[in-house]
Amino acid sequence: MEFNYLAILVAAVVPVVLGFLWYNPLLFGNVWMRESGMTEEKMKGANMAVIFGLSLLFSLLLSFFLQFLTIHQTVAVQMIGGDPTVEGILPSFQAFMDDYGSAFRTYKHGALHGLLAGIFIVLPIMGINGLFERQSWKHILINVGYWTLTLTIMGAILCGWV
């Protein structure tokens, strides 16, 4: 199973583009600023090159890992050590890949797994952090909603772009 590096790169751009829209004052930006305690002064005092650079790096890491949650064939290849071309691979593996090698490789399936990651990974993590940080439910749900939608779109790209 080879990685689709173009899909990984495109999916890594999704958090930046969606974040620009999601946290825009026309959508959730004003509420998020109020609920998080963010001010214009704080925003102006930041090094945006570092913030966007690290955001893209983290998005690449997320995109690379998310394919393991969305593409089931990756697990089958991992079970044989990661290289299906080496000698000694049992014929049953090739038969399995012939039967199921492209099963569930759709945008819809990837979106489902991205959505599930948002609900069952992002929500608990951000919910716990938000509760201990005494954040409002508005703040928590704005951030969870952003990441859930982001992972849904990223998952669709990673799984469906064959």
Protein backbone atom coordinates (compact mmCIF):
# COMPACT_ATOMS: atom_id res chain seq x y z
CA MET A 1 0.00 0.00 0.00
CA GLU A 2 1.58 3.23 -1.11
CA PHE A 3 0.78 6.60 0.35
CA ASN A 4 -0.95 9.14 -1.83
CA TYR A 5 1.25 12.11 -0.98
CA LEU A 6 -0.81 14.54 -3.05
CA ALA A 7 -3.94 13.60 -1.10
CA ILE A 8 -1.99 13.99 2.16
CA LEU A 9 -0.86 17.49 1.13
CA VAL A 10 -4.31 18.58 -0.05
CA ALA A 11 -5.93 17.22 3.12
CA ALA A 12 -3.32 19.09 5.21
CA VAL A 13 -4.48 22.39 3.74
CA VAL A 14 -8.09 21.77 4.85
CA PRO A 15 -7.61 22.92 8.49
CA VAL A 16 -6.14 26.24 7.34
CA VAL A 17 -8.82 26.96 4.74
CA LEU A 18 -11.70 25.81 6.91
CA GLY A 19 -10.25 27.65 9.91
CA PHE A 20 -10.19 30.87 7.90
CA LEU A 21 -13.91 30.41 7.21
CA TRP A 22 -15.01 28.92 10.56
CA TYR A 23 -13.29 31.49 12.77
CA ASN A 24 -14.20 34.40 10.49
CA PRO A 25 -16.34 37.07 12.19
CA LEU A 26 -19.11 36.29 9.68
CA LEU A 27 -19.42 32.75 11.06
CA PHE A 28 -18.13 31.90 14.57
CA GLY A 29 -15.19 34.31 14.91
CA ASN A 30 -16.83 36.91 17.16
CA VAL A 31 -18.38 34.34 19.48
CA TRP A 32 -15.12 32.37 19.62
CA MET A 33 -13.13 35.52 20.46
CA ARG A 34 -15.53 36.46 23.23
CA GLU A 35 -15.73 32.94 24.68
CA SER A 36 -11.97 32.33 24.53
CA GLY A 37 -10.98 35.71 25.88
CA MET A 38 -9.10 36.54 22.68
CA THR A 39 -8.67 40.24 21.88
CA GLU A 40 -7.51 42.14 18.82
CA GLU A 41 -4.41 43.19 20.78
CA LYS A 42 -3.47 39.57 21.50
CA MET A 43 -3.98 38.67 17.87
CA LYS A 44 -1.80 41.51 16.62
CA GLY A 45 1.03 40.57 18.98
CA ALA A 46 1.53 37.12 17.46
CA ASN A 47 4.12 35.94 14.95
CA MET A 48 1.72 34.75 12.23
CA ALA A 49 4.48 33.17 10.12
CA VAL A 50 5.36 30.84 13.00
CA ILE A 51 1.70 30.16 13.78
CA PHE A 52 0.79 29.28 10.18
CA GLY A 53 4.02 27.36 9.62
CA LEU A 54 3.50 25.19 12.68
CA SER A 55 -0.20 24.83 11.86
CA LEU A 56 0.69 23.45 8.45
CA LEU A 57 3.26 21.10 9.97
CA PHE A 58 0.73 19.83 12.53
CA SER A 59 -1.87 19.50 9.75
CA LEU A 60 0.56 17.37 7.75
CA LEU A 61 1.09 15.11 10.76
CA LEU A 62 -2.66 14.85 11.25
CA SER A 63 -3.26 14.17 7.57
CA PHE A 64 -0.60 11.47 7.48
CA PHE A 65 -2.04 9.68 10.52
CA LEU A 66 -5.70 10.10 9.55
CA GLN A 67 -5.24 7.83 6.56
CA PHE A 68 -4.64 4.95 8.98
CA LEU A 69 -8.08 5.59 10.47
CA THR A 70 -9.84 5.90 7.13
CA ILE A 71 -8.18 3.32 4.86
CA HIS A 72 -8.67 -0.25 6.08
CA GLN A 73 -6.19 -1.75 3.61
CA THR A 74 -3.38 0.01 5.46
CA VAL A 75 -3.95 -2.28 8.43
CA ALA A 76 -3.80 -5.40 6.21
CA VAL A 77 -0.47 -4.28 4.79
CA GLN A 78 0.85 -3.52 8.27
CA MET A 79 0.00 -7.08 9.35
CA ILE A 80 2.60 -8.44 6.93
CA GLY A 81 5.29 -5.98 7.88
CA GLY A 82 4.45 -3.15 5.51
CA ASP A 83 5.90 -4.45 2.26
CA PRO A 84 3.60 -6.66 0.17
CA THR A 85 6.32 -7.19 -2.46
CA VAL A 86 8.73 -9.19 -0.30
CA GLU A 87 9.09 -12.92 -0.78
CA GLY A 88 7.38 -15.21 1.67
CA ILE A 89 4.05 -13.41 1.73
CA LEU A 90 1.33 -16.02 1.97
CA PRO A 91 -0.98 -16.40 -1.03
CA SER A 92 -3.89 -15.76 1.33
CA PHE A 93 -2.76 -12.14 1.66
CA GLN A 94 -2.79 -11.63 -2.10
CA ALA A 95 -6.19 -13.35 -2.32
CA PHE A 96 -7.49 -11.04 0.41
CA MET A 97 -6.16 -7.95 -1.38
CA ASP A 98 -7.59 -9.17 -4.70
CA ASP A 99 -11.00 -9.49 -3.06
CA TYR A 100 -10.95 -6.42 -0.81
CA GLY A 101 -8.11 -4.23 -2.04
CA SER A 102 -10.33 -1.34 -3.06
CA ALA A 103 -13.30 -2.01 -0.77
CA PHE A 104 -14.54 1.02 1.13
CA ARG A 105 -12.14 3.37 -0.68
CA THR A 106 -14.70 6.13 -1.19
CA TYR A 107 -15.09 9.75 -0.20
CA LYS A 108 -18.21 8.82 1.75
CA HIS A 109 -16.42 6.13 3.77
CA GLY A 110 -13.52 8.45 4.57
CA ALA A 111 -15.93 11.18 5.61
CA LEU A 112 -17.69 8.74 7.95
CA HIS A 113 -14.42 7.82 9.66
CA GLY A 114 -13.41 11.48 9.91
CA LEU A 115 -16.79 12.25 11.50
CA LEU A 116 -16.37 9.37 13.94
CA ALA A 117 -12.88 10.62 14.84
CA GLY A 118 -14.36 14.03 15.57
CA ILE A 119 -17.08 12.62 17.80
CA PHE A 120 -15.12 9.89 19.58
CA ILE A 121 -11.62 11.43 19.74
CA VAL A 122 -11.85 15.22 19.42
CA LEU A 123 -15.00 15.76 21.51
CA PRO A 124 -13.76 13.84 24.57
CA ILE A 125 -10.29 15.41 24.47
CA MET A 126 -11.46 18.98 23.93
CA GLY A 127 -14.40 18.48 26.27
CA ILE A 128 -12.14 17.35 29.11
CA ASN A 129 -9.66 20.18 28.47
CA GLY A 130 -12.46 22.73 28.23
CA LEU A 131 -14.05 21.59 31.48
CA PHE A 132 -10.79 21.85 33.43
CA GLU A 133 -9.97 25.20 31.79
CA ARG A 134 -13.46 26.40 32.77
CA GLN A 135 -14.32 27.15 29.15
CA SER A 136 -17.93 27.68 28.15
CA TRP A 137 -19.83 25.02 26.22
CA LYS A 138 -20.06 27.51 23.35
CA HIS A 139 -16.28 27.65 23.18
CA ILE A 140 -15.91 23.88 23.41
CA LEU A 141 -18.56 23.19 20.76
CA ILE A 142 -17.22 25.80 18.34
CA ASN A 143 -13.78 24.16 18.47
CA VAL A 144 -15.12 20.59 18.40
CA GLY A 145 -17.42 21.48 15.50
CA TYR A 146 -14.50 22.92 13.57
CA TRP A 147 -12.30 19.87 14.11
CA THR A 148 -15.10 17.40 13.43
CA LEU A 149 -15.94 19.06 10.12
CA THR A 150 -12.22 19.36 9.31
CA LEU A 151 -11.57 15.65 9.97
CA THR A 152 -14.67 14.71 7.97
CA ILE A 153 -13.40 16.60 4.92
CA MET A 154 -9.82 15.39 5.40
CA GLY A 155 -11.00 11.78 5.77
CA ALA A 156 -13.04 12.05 2.57
CA ILE A 157 -10.02 13.33 0.65
CA LEU A 158 -7.62 10.74 2.05
CA CYS A 159 -9.87 7.72 1.58
CA GLY A 160 -11.59 8.68 -1.65
CA TRP A 161 -8.68 10.07 -3.60
CA VAL A 162 -7.40 6.79 -5.01
